[in-house]
Every structure is written in C-alpha cells, then in structure tokens.
Amino acid sequence: MDNAGERTDPHDTAQMRVLRDALAAADVKRLVRASRENDGDEVERIRRRYVEG
C-alpha cells in the first residue's frame, strides 16, 4: 500500500515503466518501418500485441 492507503502493484516499479516505454518505442520504430515497407503481417502482429493484450 502507498501512503494514501491505496494498493500499489509491486510489478509497477519505475524500472518496469522504463522497460515498457523502451519496448513501446522499439515497437513504434518497427511499426513505421513495416508500414513503409508495406509489411502488413508485421503491422498486424504489433497491433495485436497492443489491442489484444
């Protein structure tokens, strides 16, 4: 629990947020490249990762 008495996710640390942000940035770069190269399969894989979980 944090100071306000709310539950906090122990996995949601600053390091985890930094890692998630870095992975998302890499996905954006891959998405731009795949879009530029008309690689619909790769675009769909990246989209599913974010839309479906």
N, C-alpha and C. Protein backbone atom coordinates (compact mmCIF):
# COMPACT_ATOMS: atom_id res chain seq x y z
N MET A 1 0.84 -1.19 0.00
CA MET A 1 0.00 0.00 0.00
C MET A 1 0.88 1.24 0.00
N ASP A 2 0.36 2.28 -0.61
CA ASP A 2 1.12 3.52 -0.60
C ASP A 2 0.66 4.38 0.57
N ASN A 3 1.17 5.58 0.64
CA ASN A 3 0.87 6.47 1.77
C ASN A 3 -0.60 6.83 1.88
N ALA A 4 -1.33 6.79 0.78
CA ALA A 4 -2.75 7.15 0.80
C ALA A 4 -3.62 5.94 1.13
N GLY A 5 -3.00 4.79 1.41
CA GLY A 5 -3.76 3.61 1.74
C GLY A 5 -4.26 2.84 0.53
N GLU A 6 -3.85 3.25 -0.66
CA GLU A 6 -4.26 2.56 -1.87
C GLU A 6 -3.29 1.43 -2.17
N ARG A 7 -3.81 0.38 -2.76
CA ARG A 7 -2.93 -0.72 -3.15
C ARG A 7 -2.08 -0.31 -4.33
N THR A 8 -0.83 -0.72 -4.30
CA THR A 8 0.06 -0.46 -5.42
C THR A 8 0.49 -1.80 -5.99
N ASP A 9 0.69 -1.83 -7.27
CA ASP A 9 1.14 -3.03 -7.95
C ASP A 9 2.64 -3.16 -7.75
N PRO A 10 3.11 -4.23 -7.10
CA PRO A 10 4.55 -4.37 -6.86
C PRO A 10 5.35 -4.52 -8.14
N HIS A 11 4.69 -4.90 -9.24
CA HIS A 11 5.38 -5.05 -10.51
C HIS A 11 5.46 -3.73 -11.27
N ASP A 12 4.77 -2.72 -10.80
CA ASP A 12 4.72 -1.44 -11.49
C ASP A 12 5.74 -0.48 -10.89
N THR A 13 6.98 -0.88 -10.95
CA THR A 13 8.05 -0.05 -10.42
C THR A 13 8.53 0.90 -11.51
N ALA A 14 9.35 1.82 -11.13
CA ALA A 14 9.90 2.77 -12.09
C ALA A 14 10.70 2.03 -13.16
N GLN A 15 11.43 1.00 -12.77
CA GLN A 15 12.22 0.24 -13.75
C GLN A 15 11.32 -0.46 -14.75
N MET A 16 10.21 -1.00 -14.29
CA MET A 16 9.28 -1.67 -15.20
C MET A 16 8.68 -0.68 -16.18
N ARG A 17 8.34 0.51 -15.70
CA ARG A 17 7.79 1.54 -16.59
C ARG A 17 8.81 1.94 -17.64
N VAL A 18 10.07 2.08 -17.24
CA VAL A 18 11.12 2.43 -18.19
C VAL A 18 11.27 1.33 -19.24
N LEU A 19 11.24 0.09 -18.80
CA LEU A 19 11.35 -1.03 -19.73
C LEU A 19 10.17 -1.07 -20.70
N ARG A 20 8.95 -0.90 -20.18
CA ARG A 20 7.77 -0.88 -21.05
C ARG A 20 7.85 0.26 -22.06
N ASP A 21 8.30 1.42 -21.62
CA ASP A 21 8.43 2.56 -22.53
C ASP A 21 9.45 2.28 -23.63
N ALA A 22 10.57 1.64 -23.26
CA ALA A 22 11.60 1.32 -24.24
C ALA A 22 11.07 0.31 -25.25
N LEU A 23 10.35 -0.69 -24.78
CA LEU A 23 9.79 -1.69 -25.69
C LEU A 23 8.75 -1.06 -26.62
N ALA A 24 7.95 -0.16 -26.08
CA ALA A 24 6.95 0.52 -26.91
C ALA A 24 7.63 1.38 -27.97
N ALA A 25 8.71 2.05 -27.61
CA ALA A 25 9.44 2.87 -28.59
C ALA A 25 10.01 2.00 -29.70
N ALA A 26 10.53 0.83 -29.32
CA ALA A 26 11.05 -0.09 -30.34
C ALA A 26 9.92 -0.57 -31.25
N ASP A 27 8.76 -0.84 -30.68
CA ASP A 27 7.61 -1.25 -31.50
C ASP A 27 7.18 -0.14 -32.45
N VAL A 28 7.23 1.09 -32.01
CA VAL A 28 6.86 2.20 -32.89
C VAL A 28 7.82 2.26 -34.08
N LYS A 29 9.11 2.09 -33.80
CA LYS A 29 10.09 2.10 -34.90
C LYS A 29 9.83 0.95 -35.86
N ARG A 30 9.55 -0.25 -35.32
CA ARG A 30 9.26 -1.39 -36.18
C ARG A 30 7.97 -1.17 -36.96
N LEU A 31 6.99 -0.55 -36.33
CA LEU A 31 5.71 -0.28 -36.99
C LEU A 31 5.90 0.69 -38.15
N VAL A 32 6.68 1.73 -37.93
CA VAL A 32 6.95 2.69 -39.01
C VAL A 32 7.68 2.02 -40.16
N ARG A 33 8.70 1.21 -39.84
CA ARG A 33 9.44 0.51 -40.89
C ARG A 33 8.52 -0.45 -41.65
N ALA A 34 7.73 -1.23 -40.91
CA ALA A 34 6.84 -2.20 -41.55
C ALA A 34 5.80 -1.49 -42.42
N SER A 35 5.30 -0.36 -41.96
CA SER A 35 4.33 0.40 -42.75
C SER A 35 4.98 0.92 -44.02
N ARG A 36 6.18 1.42 -43.88
CA ARG A 36 6.91 1.96 -45.04
C ARG A 36 7.18 0.88 -46.07
N GLU A 37 7.44 -0.34 -45.59
CA GLU A 37 7.76 -1.46 -46.48
C GLU A 37 6.52 -2.26 -46.88
N ASN A 38 5.34 -1.77 -46.49
CA ASN A 38 4.08 -2.46 -46.79
C ASN A 38 4.07 -3.90 -46.27
N ASP A 39 4.60 -4.09 -45.07
CA ASP A 39 4.62 -5.41 -44.42
C ASP A 39 3.41 -5.52 -43.50
N GLY A 40 2.28 -5.86 -44.10
CA GLY A 40 1.03 -5.91 -43.36
C GLY A 40 1.03 -6.94 -42.24
N ASP A 41 1.74 -8.06 -42.43
CA ASP A 41 1.79 -9.09 -41.39
C ASP A 41 2.46 -8.56 -40.12
N GLU A 42 3.58 -7.85 -40.29
CA GLU A 42 4.28 -7.30 -39.13
C GLU A 42 3.43 -6.21 -38.46
N VAL A 43 2.79 -5.38 -39.25
CA VAL A 43 1.92 -4.35 -38.70
C VAL A 43 0.82 -5.00 -37.87
N GLU A 44 0.24 -6.06 -38.38
CA GLU A 44 -0.84 -6.75 -37.67
C GLU A 44 -0.34 -7.39 -36.38
N ARG A 45 0.86 -7.99 -36.39
CA ARG A 45 1.42 -8.58 -35.17
C ARG A 45 1.61 -7.52 -34.08
N ILE A 46 2.14 -6.38 -34.47
CA ILE A 46 2.36 -5.30 -33.50
C ILE A 46 1.01 -4.79 -32.99
N ARG A 47 0.06 -4.61 -33.87
CA ARG A 47 -1.26 -4.12 -33.47
C ARG A 47 -1.90 -5.08 -32.47
N ARG A 48 -1.82 -6.37 -32.76
CA ARG A 48 -2.43 -7.36 -31.85
C ARG A 48 -1.80 -7.33 -30.47
N ARG A 49 -0.51 -7.11 -30.40
CA ARG A 49 0.18 -7.06 -29.12
C ARG A 49 -0.42 -5.98 -28.21
N TYR A 50 -0.82 -4.86 -28.81
CA TYR A 50 -1.36 -3.77 -28.00
C TYR A 50 -2.88 -3.84 -27.85
N VAL A 51 -3.57 -4.31 -28.86
CA VAL A 51 -5.02 -4.35 -28.82
C VAL A 51 -5.52 -5.55 -28.00
N GLU A 52 -4.88 -6.69 -28.19
CA GLU A 52 -5.35 -7.91 -27.53
C GLU A 52 -4.63 -8.20 -26.23
N GLY A 53 -3.65 -7.42 -25.88
CA GLY A 53 -3.10 -7.61 -24.58
C GLY A 53 -1.70 -7.85 -24.45
